[in-house]
Amino acid sequence: MSSAVHDGALTALADPTRARIVQLIQDADGSRALVGELAEELRLRQPTVSHHMGVLHTEGIVIREREGRRVWYSIDPAQADRITAILGSRGAEVAPDLDRIVDDLATRYRGTFNRETVARCVQESHDLLLRSSGTHLLASRTARFASDLLDDRRAARSRAARPTVLFVCVQNAGRSQLAAGILRQLAGDRVTVRTAGSAPASDVRTAVVTALDEIGVPLGGEFPKPLTDEAVKAADVVITMGCGDACPIFPGRRYEDWDLEDPVGKPLSTVREIRDDIDRRVRALLANL
């Protein structure tokens, strides 16, 4: 299999929703599932799940089997070893295949970072995530976090023309994810958006994913990440939400602290109100970048 396909599978499964879809298919009766069943289990709209299934199918991770009007999805047997290497084995603790992750990222960053630099970044990412969120989706999250760190280091060296905004809250599972999702949707590729947490949780809150999905904003491959100096140094604007003291201060950055209610443990109606408050703030921020 080519490195491009390797990289595509790595990117596709770095999204926690897609990784969860693959795990649900693996655990389903007959190791196959319908989009409707997956949407119900994930508490997402069927079009959202269909979009993720389209990506997984394009990357060759799942195959389709039509029975009348129903379309079943199962894991492509040829990708089984690849999926195990990225997501880990179900029912057993398997160490992430860091060498394979390094190979994939070294291909992506060829001409920018050498393999030794990529390997150090992958190991650092693995260790940080293992301490902060344990073994859950550790391999795919290591790959995503390492690529973010490498992008941040490249941006800090070049000070790219497009601005970078970093949203920081305590768990990186609520307010910062809401803000980041909305800004990505509004700004597209005009702004680089990052998130981090001073004490990251293991997963983004389900209510936050639902509140974003309601307004057509995908979570993408986001998951809670630890706050690093590299992320702050690469940012032009740093927005803190209840964790200002934990964020390092570097000259040349614009800092703002948004006083927002924490959505943890709140009903969906309250999360929607927080989302809409954040939406107004993000629009004002974008207008002034």
C-alpha atoms as a PDB file:
ATOM      1  CA  MET A   1       0.000   0.000   0.000  1.00  0.00           C
ATOM      2  CA  SER A   2       1.318   3.466  -0.888  1.00  0.00           C
ATOM      3  CA  SER A   3       2.356   6.051   1.703  1.00  0.00           C
ATOM      4  CA  ALA A   4      -0.474   8.297   0.450  1.00  0.00           C
ATOM      5  CA  VAL A   5      -3.048   5.667   1.406  1.00  0.00           C
ATOM      6  CA  HIS A   6      -1.299   5.173   4.743  1.00  0.00           C
ATOM      7  CA  ASP A   7      -1.487   8.898   5.375  1.00  0.00           C
ATOM      8  CA  GLY A   8      -5.152   9.002   4.374  1.00  0.00           C
ATOM      9  CA  ALA A   9      -6.098   6.202   6.753  1.00  0.00           C
ATOM     10  CA  LEU A  10      -4.112   7.850   9.533  1.00  0.00           C
ATOM     11  CA  THR A  11      -5.880  11.174   8.985  1.00  0.00           C
ATOM     12  CA  ALA A  12      -9.327   9.586   8.692  1.00  0.00           C
ATOM     13  CA  LEU A  13      -8.991   7.617  11.925  1.00  0.00           C
ATOM     14  CA  ALA A  14      -7.536  10.575  13.815  1.00  0.00           C
ATOM     15  CA  ASP A  15     -11.116  11.863  13.930  1.00  0.00           C
ATOM     16  CA  PRO A  16     -12.592  10.458  17.181  1.00  0.00           C
ATOM     17  CA  THR A  17     -16.059  10.075  15.648  1.00  0.00           C
ATOM     18  CA  ARG A  18     -14.696   7.992  12.771  1.00  0.00           C
ATOM     19  CA  ALA A  19     -12.562   5.952  15.146  1.00  0.00           C
ATOM     20  CA  ARG A  20     -15.666   5.299  17.256  1.00  0.00           C
ATOM     21  CA  ILE A  21     -17.634   4.311  14.145  1.00  0.00           C
ATOM     22  CA  VAL A  22     -14.984   1.746  13.224  1.00  0.00           C
ATOM     23  CA  GLN A  23     -15.037   0.333  16.759  1.00  0.00           C
ATOM     24  CA  LEU A  24     -18.842   0.104  16.721  1.00  0.00           C
ATOM     25  CA  ILE A  25     -18.732  -1.784  13.418  1.00  0.00           C
ATOM     26  CA  GLN A  26     -16.115  -4.144  14.841  1.00  0.00           C
ATOM     27  CA  ASP A  27     -18.331  -4.851  17.869  1.00  0.00           C
ATOM     28  CA  ALA A  28     -21.625  -5.165  15.961  1.00  0.00           C
ATOM     29  CA  ASP A  29     -23.360  -8.481  15.215  1.00  0.00           C
ATOM     30  CA  GLY A  30     -21.717  -9.901  12.133  1.00  0.00           C
ATOM     31  CA  SER A  31     -19.160  -7.075  12.301  1.00  0.00           C
ATOM     32  CA  ARG A  32     -21.338  -4.866  10.122  1.00  0.00           C
ATOM     33  CA  ALA A  33     -23.708  -1.970  10.749  1.00  0.00           C
ATOM     34  CA  LEU A  34     -26.212   0.406   9.158  1.00  0.00           C
ATOM     35  CA  VAL A  35     -25.827   4.187   9.171  1.00  0.00           C
ATOM     36  CA  GLY A  36     -29.102   4.547  11.088  1.00  0.00           C
ATOM     37  CA  GLU A  37     -27.894   2.213  13.846  1.00  0.00           C
ATOM     38  CA  LEU A  38     -24.605   4.096  14.123  1.00  0.00           C
ATOM     39  CA  ALA A  39     -26.349   7.472  14.228  1.00  0.00           C
ATOM     40  CA  GLU A  40     -28.590   6.293  17.054  1.00  0.00           C
ATOM     41  CA  GLU A  41     -25.655   4.943  19.050  1.00  0.00           C
ATOM     42  CA  LEU A  42     -23.585   8.098  18.503  1.00  0.00           C
ATOM     43  CA  ARG A  43     -26.576  10.436  18.977  1.00  0.00           C
ATOM     44  CA  LEU A  44     -25.745  12.232  15.748  1.00  0.00           C
ATOM     45  CA  ARG A  45     -27.817  13.002  12.671  1.00  0.00           C
ATOM     46  CA  GLN A  46     -27.747  10.429   9.901  1.00  0.00           C
ATOM     47  CA  PRO A  47     -26.293  12.889   7.323  1.00  0.00           C
ATOM     48  CA  THR A  48     -23.376  13.532   9.697  1.00  0.00           C
ATOM     49  CA  VAL A  49     -22.683   9.814  10.067  1.00  0.00           C
ATOM     50  CA  SER A  50     -23.096   9.326   6.304  1.00  0.00           C
ATOM     51  CA  HIS A  51     -20.418  11.971   5.734  1.00  0.00           C
ATOM     52  CA  HIS A  52     -17.991  10.125   8.021  1.00  0.00           C
ATOM     53  CA  MET A  53     -18.821   6.810   6.337  1.00  0.00           C
ATOM     54  CA  GLY A  54     -18.058   8.413   2.979  1.00  0.00           C
ATOM     55  CA  VAL A  55     -14.599   9.403   4.180  1.00  0.00           C
ATOM     56  CA  LEU A  56     -13.929   5.937   5.609  1.00  0.00           C
ATOM     57  CA  HIS A  57     -15.094   4.347   2.369  1.00  0.00           C
ATOM     58  CA  THR A  58     -12.973   6.666   0.223  1.00  0.00           C
ATOM     59  CA  GLU A  59      -9.884   5.743   2.267  1.00  0.00           C
ATOM     60  CA  GLY A  60     -10.650   2.038   1.835  1.00  0.00           C
ATOM     61  CA  ILE A  61     -11.261   1.457   5.550  1.00  0.00           C
ATOM     62  CA  VAL A  62     -14.844   0.211   5.149  1.00  0.00           C
ATOM     63  CA  ILE A  63     -16.687  -1.585   2.367  1.00  0.00           C
ATOM     64  CA  ARG A  64     -20.348  -1.335   1.393  1.00  0.00           C
ATOM     65  CA  GLU A  65     -22.774  -4.210   0.884  1.00  0.00           C
ATOM     66  CA  ARG A  66     -26.256  -3.469  -0.426  1.00  0.00           C
ATOM     67  CA  GLU A  67     -29.206  -5.666   0.597  1.00  0.00           C
ATOM     68  CA  GLY A  68     -32.355  -4.329  -1.012  1.00  0.00           C
ATOM     69  CA  ARG A  69     -32.736  -0.733   0.160  1.00  0.00           C
ATOM     70  CA  ARG A  70     -30.333  -1.155   3.048  1.00  0.00           C
ATOM     71  CA  VAL A  71     -26.588  -0.559   2.860  1.00  0.00           C
ATOM     72  CA  TRP A  72     -24.388  -2.397   5.349  1.00  0.00           C
ATOM     73  CA  TYR A  73     -20.875  -1.267   6.221  1.00  0.00           C
ATOM     74  CA  SER A  74     -18.085  -3.547   7.380  1.00  0.00           C
ATOM     75  CA  ILE A  75     -14.327  -3.245   7.803  1.00  0.00           C
ATOM     76  CA  ASP A  76     -12.252  -4.019   4.716  1.00  0.00           C
ATOM     77  CA  PRO A  77     -10.329  -7.191   5.668  1.00  0.00           C
ATOM     78  CA  ALA A  78      -7.272  -5.830   3.862  1.00  0.00           C
ATOM     79  CA  GLN A  79      -7.217  -2.903   6.313  1.00  0.00           C
ATOM     80  CA  ALA A  80      -7.664  -4.939   9.513  1.00  0.00           C
ATOM     81  CA  ASP A  81      -3.980  -4.898  10.487  1.00  0.00           C
ATOM     82  CA  ARG A  82      -3.704  -1.201   9.665  1.00  0.00           C
ATOM     83  CA  ILE A  83      -6.705  -0.353  11.842  1.00  0.00           C
ATOM     84  CA  THR A  84      -5.332  -2.415  14.707  1.00  0.00           C
ATOM     85  CA  ALA A  85      -2.003  -0.595  14.447  1.00  0.00           C
ATOM     86  CA  ILE A  86      -3.723   2.810  14.606  1.00  0.00           C
ATOM     87  CA  LEU A  87      -6.580   2.176  17.046  1.00  0.00           C
ATOM     88  CA  GLY A  88      -5.223  -0.753  19.039  1.00  0.00           C
ATOM     89  CA  SER A  89      -6.725  -4.197  19.500  1.00  0.00           C
ATOM     90  CA  ARG A  90     -10.215  -4.462  20.996  1.00  0.00           C
ATOM     91  CA  GLY A  91     -10.174  -6.216  24.343  1.00  0.00           C
ATOM     92  CA  ALA A  92      -6.408  -6.055  24.792  1.00  0.00           C
ATOM     93  CA  GLU A  93      -3.820  -3.389  25.482  1.00  0.00           C
ATOM     94  CA  VAL A  94      -1.545  -3.089  22.447  1.00  0.00           C
ATOM     95  CA  ALA A  95       1.241  -0.541  22.301  1.00  0.00           C
ATOM     96  CA  PRO A  96       0.815   2.013  19.493  1.00  0.00           C
ATOM     97  CA  ASP A  97       2.924   1.373  16.404  1.00  0.00           C
ATOM     98  CA  LEU A  98       4.970   4.546  16.808  1.00  0.00           C
ATOM     99  CA  ASP A  99       7.447   3.603  14.069  1.00  0.00           C
ATOM    100  CA  ARG A 100       4.615   3.418  11.568  1.00  0.00           C
ATOM    101  CA  ILE A 101       3.243   6.764  12.724  1.00  0.00           C
ATOM    102  CA  VAL A 102       6.706   8.294  12.381  1.00  0.00           C
ATOM    103  CA  ASP A 103       7.025   6.882   8.852  1.00  0.00           C
ATOM    104  CA  ASP A 104       3.690   8.391   7.823  1.00  0.00           C
ATOM    105  CA  LEU A 105       4.438  11.808   9.300  1.00  0.00           C
ATOM    106  CA  ALA A 106       7.984  11.846   7.952  1.00  0.00           C
ATOM    107  CA  THR A 107       6.460  11.416   4.494  1.00  0.00           C
ATOM    108  CA  ARG A 108       4.032  14.276   5.120  1.00  0.00           C
ATOM    109  CA  TYR A 109       6.720  16.676   6.376  1.00  0.00           C
ATOM    110  CA  ARG A 110       9.498  15.656   4.000  1.00  0.00           C
ATOM    111  CA  GLY A 111      11.542  18.740   3.161  1.00  0.00           C
ATOM    112  CA  THR A 112      10.439  20.525   6.340  1.00  0.00           C
ATOM    113  CA  PHE A 113      11.495  18.252   9.220  1.00  0.00           C
ATOM    114  CA  ASN A 114      13.851  15.292   9.161  1.00  0.00           C
ATOM    115  CA  ARG A 115      12.801  11.885  10.455  1.00  0.00           C
ATOM    116  CA  GLU A 116      14.679  12.303  13.744  1.00  0.00           C
ATOM    117  CA  THR A 117      12.745  15.496  14.537  1.00  0.00           C
ATOM    118  CA  VAL A 118       9.452  13.819  13.650  1.00  0.00           C
ATOM    119  CA  ALA A 119      10.319  10.811  15.820  1.00  0.00           C
ATOM    120  CA  ARG A 120      11.061  13.021  18.839  1.00  0.00           C
ATOM    121  CA  CYS A 121       7.795  14.869  18.329  1.00  0.00           C
ATOM    122  CA  VAL A 122       5.806  11.634  18.061  1.00  0.00           C
ATOM    123  CA  GLN A 123       7.369  10.267  21.253  1.00  0.00           C
ATOM    124  CA  GLU A 124       6.728  13.537  23.092  1.00  0.00           C
ATOM    125  CA  SER A 125       3.107  13.563  21.896  1.00  0.00           C
ATOM    126  CA  HIS A 126       2.614   9.948  22.943  1.00  0.00           C
ATOM    127  CA  ASP A 127       3.993  10.591  26.426  1.00  0.00           C
ATOM    128  CA  LEU A 128       1.935  13.764  26.969  1.00  0.00           C
ATOM    129  CA  LEU A 129      -1.306  12.111  25.878  1.00  0.00           C
ATOM    130  CA  LEU A 130      -0.629   8.957  27.872  1.00  0.00           C
ATOM    131  CA  ARG A 131      -0.290  11.083  31.024  1.00  0.00           C
ATOM    132  CA  SER A 132      -3.316  13.261  30.310  1.00  0.00           C
ATOM    133  CA  SER A 133      -5.895  10.903  28.815  1.00  0.00           C
ATOM    134  CA  GLY A 134      -4.609   7.347  29.129  1.00  0.00           C
ATOM    135  CA  THR A 135      -4.702   4.736  26.375  1.00  0.00           C
ATOM    136  CA  HIS A 136      -8.033   5.691  24.730  1.00  0.00           C
ATOM    137  CA  LEU A 137      -7.385   6.017  20.954  1.00  0.00           C
ATOM    138  CA  LEU A 138      -3.773   6.689  21.884  1.00  0.00           C
ATOM    139  CA  ALA A 139      -2.189   5.877  18.525  1.00  0.00           C
ATOM    140  CA  SER A 140      -4.519   7.967  16.348  1.00  0.00           C
ATOM    141  CA  ARG A 141      -4.434  10.847  18.829  1.00  0.00           C
ATOM    142  CA  THR A 142      -0.646  10.695  18.991  1.00  0.00           C
ATOM    143  CA  ALA A 143      -0.495  11.052  15.211  1.00  0.00           C
ATOM    144  CA  ARG A 144      -2.859  14.035  15.223  1.00  0.00           C
ATOM    145  CA  PHE A 145      -1.215  15.775  18.184  1.00  0.00           C
ATOM    146  CA  ALA A 146       2.267  15.264  16.716  1.00  0.00           C
ATOM    147  CA  SER A 147       1.177  16.778  13.407  1.00  0.00           C
ATOM    148  CA  ASP A 148      -0.261  19.778  15.275  1.00  0.00           C
ATOM    149  CA  LEU A 149       2.997  20.232  17.182  1.00  0.00           C
ATOM    150  CA  LEU A 150       5.023  20.044  13.975  1.00  0.00           C
ATOM    151  CA  ASP A 151       2.701  22.556  12.318  1.00  0.00           C
ATOM    152  CA  ASP A 152       3.056  24.857  15.340  1.00  0.00           C
ATOM    153  CA  ARG A 153       6.849  24.652  15.217  1.00  0.00           C
ATOM    154  CA  ARG A 154       6.819  25.398  11.503  1.00  0.00           C
ATOM    155  CA  ALA A 155       4.482  28.364  12.061  1.00  0.00           C
ATOM    156  CA  ALA A 156       6.609  29.729  14.912  1.00  0.00           C
ATOM    157  CA  ARG A 157       9.651  29.719  12.616  1.00  0.00           C
ATOM    158  CA  SER A 158       7.964  31.269   9.608  1.00  0.00           C
ATOM    159  CA  ARG A 159       5.277  33.454  11.232  1.00  0.00           C
ATOM    160  CA  ALA A 160       2.887  32.554   8.447  1.00  0.00           C
ATOM    161  CA  ALA A 161       0.668  35.200   6.855  1.00  0.00           C
ATOM    162  CA  ARG A 162      -2.583  33.742   8.177  1.00  0.00           C
ATOM    163  CA  PRO A 163      -3.215  34.272  11.893  1.00  0.00           C
ATOM    164  CA  THR A 164      -3.308  31.464  14.445  1.00  0.00           C
ATOM    165  CA  VAL A 165      -5.844  31.484  17.274  1.00  0.00           C
ATOM    166  CA  LEU A 166      -5.454  29.223  20.314  1.00  0.00           C
ATOM    167  CA  PHE A 167      -8.473  28.544  22.544  1.00  0.00           C
ATOM    168  CA  VAL A 168      -7.616  27.276  26.030  1.00  0.00           C
ATOM    169  CA  CYS A 169      -9.929  26.039  28.785  1.00  0.00           C
ATOM    170  CA  VAL A 170      -9.416  23.641  31.666  1.00  0.00           C
ATOM    171  CA  GLN A 171     -10.510  20.323  30.149  1.00  0.00           C
ATOM    172  CA  ASN A 172     -10.447  21.258  26.433  1.00  0.00           C
ATOM    173  CA  ALA A 173     -13.709  19.346  26.187  1.00  0.00           C
ATOM    174  CA  GLY A 174     -16.285  22.140  26.169  1.00  0.00           C
ATOM    175  CA  ARG A 175     -15.857  25.888  25.745  1.00  0.00           C
ATOM    176  CA  SER A 176     -12.622  25.817  23.772  1.00  0.00           C
ATOM    177  CA  GLN A 177     -13.981  23.134  21.429  1.00  0.00           C
ATOM    178  CA  LEU A 178     -17.175  25.117  20.831  1.00  0.00           C
ATOM    179  CA  ALA A 179     -15.181  28.246  20.002  1.00  0.00           C
ATOM    180  CA  ALA A 180     -12.715  26.422  17.777  1.00  0.00           C
ATOM    181  CA  GLY A 181     -15.405  24.602  15.829  1.00  0.00           C
ATOM    182  CA  ILE A 182     -17.330  27.799  15.146  1.00  0.00           C
ATOM    183  CA  LEU A 183     -14.210  29.752  14.128  1.00  0.00           C
ATOM    184  CA  ARG A 184     -13.096  26.992  11.733  1.00  0.00           C
ATOM    185  CA  GLN A 185     -16.537  27.001  10.147  1.00  0.00           C
ATOM    186  CA  LEU A 186     -16.577  30.788   9.721  1.00  0.00           C
ATOM    187  CA  ALA A 187     -12.943  31.385   8.747  1.00  0.00           C
ATOM    188  CA  GLY A 188     -12.113  28.302   6.708  1.00  0.00           C
ATOM    189  CA  ASP A 189      -8.443  28.273   5.746  1.00  0.00           C
ATOM    190  CA  ARG A 190      -8.011  31.997   6.482  1.00  0.00           C
ATOM    191  CA  VAL A 191      -7.231  31.220  10.142  1.00  0.00           C
ATOM    192  CA  THR A 192      -5.322  28.393  11.823  1.00  0.00           C
ATOM    193  CA  VAL A 193      -7.292  27.240  14.872  1.00  0.00           C
ATOM    194  CA  ARG A 194      -5.848  25.323  17.834  1.00  0.00           C
ATOM    195  CA  THR A 195      -7.224  24.198  21.206  1.00  0.00           C
ATOM    196  CA  ALA A 196      -5.648  22.988  24.445  1.00  0.00           C
ATOM    197  CA  GLY A 197      -6.470  22.343  28.087  1.00  0.00           C
ATOM    198  CA  SER A 198      -4.596  22.923  31.324  1.00  0.00           C
ATOM    199  CA  ALA A 199      -6.035  19.613  32.589  1.00  0.00           C
ATOM    200  CA  PRO A 200      -7.478  17.881  29.493  1.00  0.00           C
ATOM    201  CA  ALA A 201     -10.314  15.377  29.748  1.00  0.00           C
ATOM    202  CA  SER A 202     -10.364  12.092  27.848  1.00  0.00           C
ATOM    203  CA  ASP A 203     -13.041  13.096  25.328  1.00  0.00           C
ATOM    204  CA  VAL A 204     -15.035  16.065  24.090  1.00  0.00           C
ATOM    205  CA  ARG A 205     -18.406  16.277  25.865  1.00  0.00           C
ATOM    206  CA  THR A 206     -21.250  14.610  23.984  1.00  0.00           C
ATOM    207  CA  ALA A 207     -23.475  17.647  24.554  1.00  0.00           C
ATOM    208  CA  VAL A 208     -20.823  19.844  22.913  1.00  0.00           C
ATOM    209  CA  VAL A 209     -20.653  17.584  19.840  1.00  0.00           C
ATOM    210  CA  THR A 210     -24.460  17.651  19.634  1.00  0.00           C
ATOM    211  CA  ALA A 211     -24.684  21.433  20.060  1.00  0.00           C
ATOM    212  CA  LEU A 212     -22.181  21.955  17.246  1.00  0.00           C
ATOM    213  CA  ASP A 213     -23.819  19.374  14.999  1.00  0.00           C
ATOM    214  CA  GLU A 214     -27.160  21.171  15.388  1.00  0.00           C
ATOM    215  CA  ILE A 215     -25.778  24.267  13.662  1.00  0.00           C
ATOM    216  CA  GLY A 216     -23.878  22.360  11.002  1.00  0.00           C
ATOM    217  CA  VAL A 217     -20.437  22.630  12.597  1.00  0.00           C
ATOM    218  CA  PRO A 218     -18.406  19.379  12.503  1.00  0.00           C
ATOM    219  CA  LEU A 219     -16.090  18.523  15.358  1.00  0.00           C
ATOM    220  CA  GLY A 220     -13.620  17.037  12.896  1.00  0.00           C
ATOM    221  CA  GLY A 221     -10.613  15.266  14.381  1.00  0.00           C
ATOM    222  CA  GLU A 222     -10.572  17.332  17.554  1.00  0.00           C
ATOM    223  CA  PHE A 223      -9.984  15.822  20.989  1.00  0.00           C
ATOM    224  CA  PRO A 224      -8.702  17.213  24.311  1.00  0.00           C
ATOM    225  CA  LYS A 225      -5.001  18.063  24.138  1.00  0.00           C
ATOM    226  CA  PRO A 226      -2.530  19.246  26.785  1.00  0.00           C
ATOM    227  CA  LEU A 227      -1.355  22.841  26.708  1.00  0.00           C
ATOM    228  CA  THR A 228       2.206  23.224  25.401  1.00  0.00           C
ATOM    229  CA  ASP A 229       4.604  26.130  25.049  1.00  0.00           C
ATOM    230  CA  GLU A 230       4.817  25.404  21.296  1.00  0.00           C
ATOM    231  CA  ALA A 231       1.077  25.967  20.870  1.00  0.00           C
ATOM    232  CA  VAL A 232       1.237  29.336  22.642  1.00  0.00           C
ATOM    233  CA  LYS A 233       4.391  30.450  20.792  1.00  0.00           C
ATOM    234  CA  ALA A 234       2.776  29.619  17.452  1.00  0.00           C
ATOM    235  CA  ALA A 235      -0.381  31.609  18.250  1.00  0.00           C
ATOM    236  CA  ASP A 236      -1.069  35.215  17.375  1.00  0.00           C
ATOM    237  CA  VAL A 237      -4.159  35.319  19.619  1.00  0.00           C
ATOM    238  CA  VAL A 238      -4.651  33.275  22.799  1.00  0.00           C
ATOM    239  CA  ILE A 239      -8.178  33.067  24.228  1.00  0.00           C
ATOM    240  CA  THR A 240      -8.412  31.636  27.744  1.00  0.00           C
ATOM    241  CA  MET A 241     -11.641  30.477  29.358  1.00  0.00           C
ATOM    242  CA  GLY A 242     -11.294  29.914  33.070  1.00  0.00           C
ATOM    243  CA  CYS A 243      -7.628  28.911  33.051  1.00  0.00           C
ATOM    244  CA  GLY A 244      -5.758  32.153  32.436  1.00  0.00           C
ATOM    245  CA  ASP A 245      -3.191  31.591  35.187  1.00  0.00           C
ATOM    246  CA  ALA A 246      -2.157  28.247  33.664  1.00  0.00           C
ATOM    247  CA  CYS A 247      -1.334  29.739  30.251  1.00  0.00           C
ATOM    248  CA  PRO A 248       2.289  30.837  29.707  1.00  0.00           C
ATOM    249  CA  ILE A 249       2.814  34.436  28.635  1.00  0.00           C
ATOM    250  CA  PHE A 250       5.079  35.208  25.683  1.00  0.00           C
ATOM    251  CA  PRO A 251       5.665  38.653  24.182  1.00  0.00           C
ATOM    252  CA  GLY A 252       4.055  39.508  20.864  1.00  0.00           C
ATOM    253  CA  ARG A 253       0.837  37.567  21.480  1.00  0.00           C
ATOM    254  CA  ARG A 254      -2.605  39.025  22.030  1.00  0.00           C
ATOM    255  CA  TYR A 255      -4.299  37.555  25.094  1.00  0.00           C
ATOM    256  CA  GLU A 256      -7.997  37.656  25.964  1.00  0.00           C
ATOM    257  CA  ASP A 257      -9.910  35.980  28.765  1.00  0.00           C
ATOM    258  CA  TRP A 258     -13.551  35.122  28.073  1.00  0.00           C
ATOM    259  CA  ASP A 259     -15.727  34.789  31.170  1.00  0.00           C
ATOM    260  CA  LEU A 260     -17.983  31.900  30.164  1.00  0.00           C
ATOM    261  CA  GLU A 261     -20.080  29.356  32.035  1.00  0.00           C
ATOM    262  CA  ASP A 262     -18.577  25.864  32.043  1.00  0.00           C
ATOM    263  CA  PRO A 263     -20.857  23.453  30.114  1.00  0.00           C
ATOM    264  CA  VAL A 264     -19.684  20.395  32.078  1.00  0.00           C
ATOM    265  CA  GLY A 265     -22.688  18.646  33.585  1.00  0.00           C
ATOM    266  CA  LYS A 266     -25.137  21.172  32.139  1.00  0.00           C
ATOM    267  CA  PRO A 267     -28.278  20.221  30.181  1.00  0.00           C
ATOM    268  CA  LEU A 268     -28.260  20.619  26.421  1.00  0.00           C
ATOM    269  CA  SER A 269     -30.432  23.740  26.654  1.00  0.00           C
ATOM    270  CA  THR A 270     -27.723  25.457  28.725  1.00  0.00           C
ATOM    271  CA  VAL A 271     -24.973  24.227  26.395  1.00  0.00           C
ATOM    272  CA  ARG A 272     -26.870  25.811  23.505  1.00  0.00           C
ATOM    273  CA  GLU A 273     -26.912  29.151  25.339  1.00  0.00           C
ATOM    274  CA  ILE A 274     -23.156  28.901  25.966  1.00  0.00           C
ATOM    275  CA  ARG A 275     -22.635  27.978  22.317  1.00  0.00           C
ATOM    276  CA  ASP A 276     -24.587  31.017  21.126  1.00  0.00           C
ATOM    277  CA  ASP A 277     -22.666  33.320  23.488  1.00  0.00           C
ATOM    278  CA  ILE A 278     -19.405  31.920  22.142  1.00  0.00           C
ATOM    279  CA  ASP A 279     -20.672  32.311  18.581  1.00  0.00           C
ATOM    280  CA  ARG A 280     -21.181  36.061  19.108  1.00  0.00           C
ATOM    281  CA  ARG A 281     -17.709  36.431  20.614  1.00  0.00           C
ATOM    282  CA  VAL A 282     -16.057  34.436  17.828  1.00  0.00           C
ATOM    283  CA  ARG A 283     -17.710  36.563  15.137  1.00  0.00           C
ATOM    284  CA  ALA A 284     -16.439  39.728  16.836  1.00  0.00           C
ATOM    285  CA  LEU A 285     -12.960  38.192  17.141  1.00  0.00           C
ATOM    286  CA  LEU A 286     -12.887  37.215  13.468  1.00  0.00           C
ATOM    287  CA  ALA A 287     -13.899  40.734  12.430  1.00  0.00           C
ATOM    288  CA  ASN A 288     -10.884  42.123  14.303  1.00  0.00           C
ATOM    289  CA  LEU A 289      -8.191  39.621  13.309  1.00  0.00           C
END
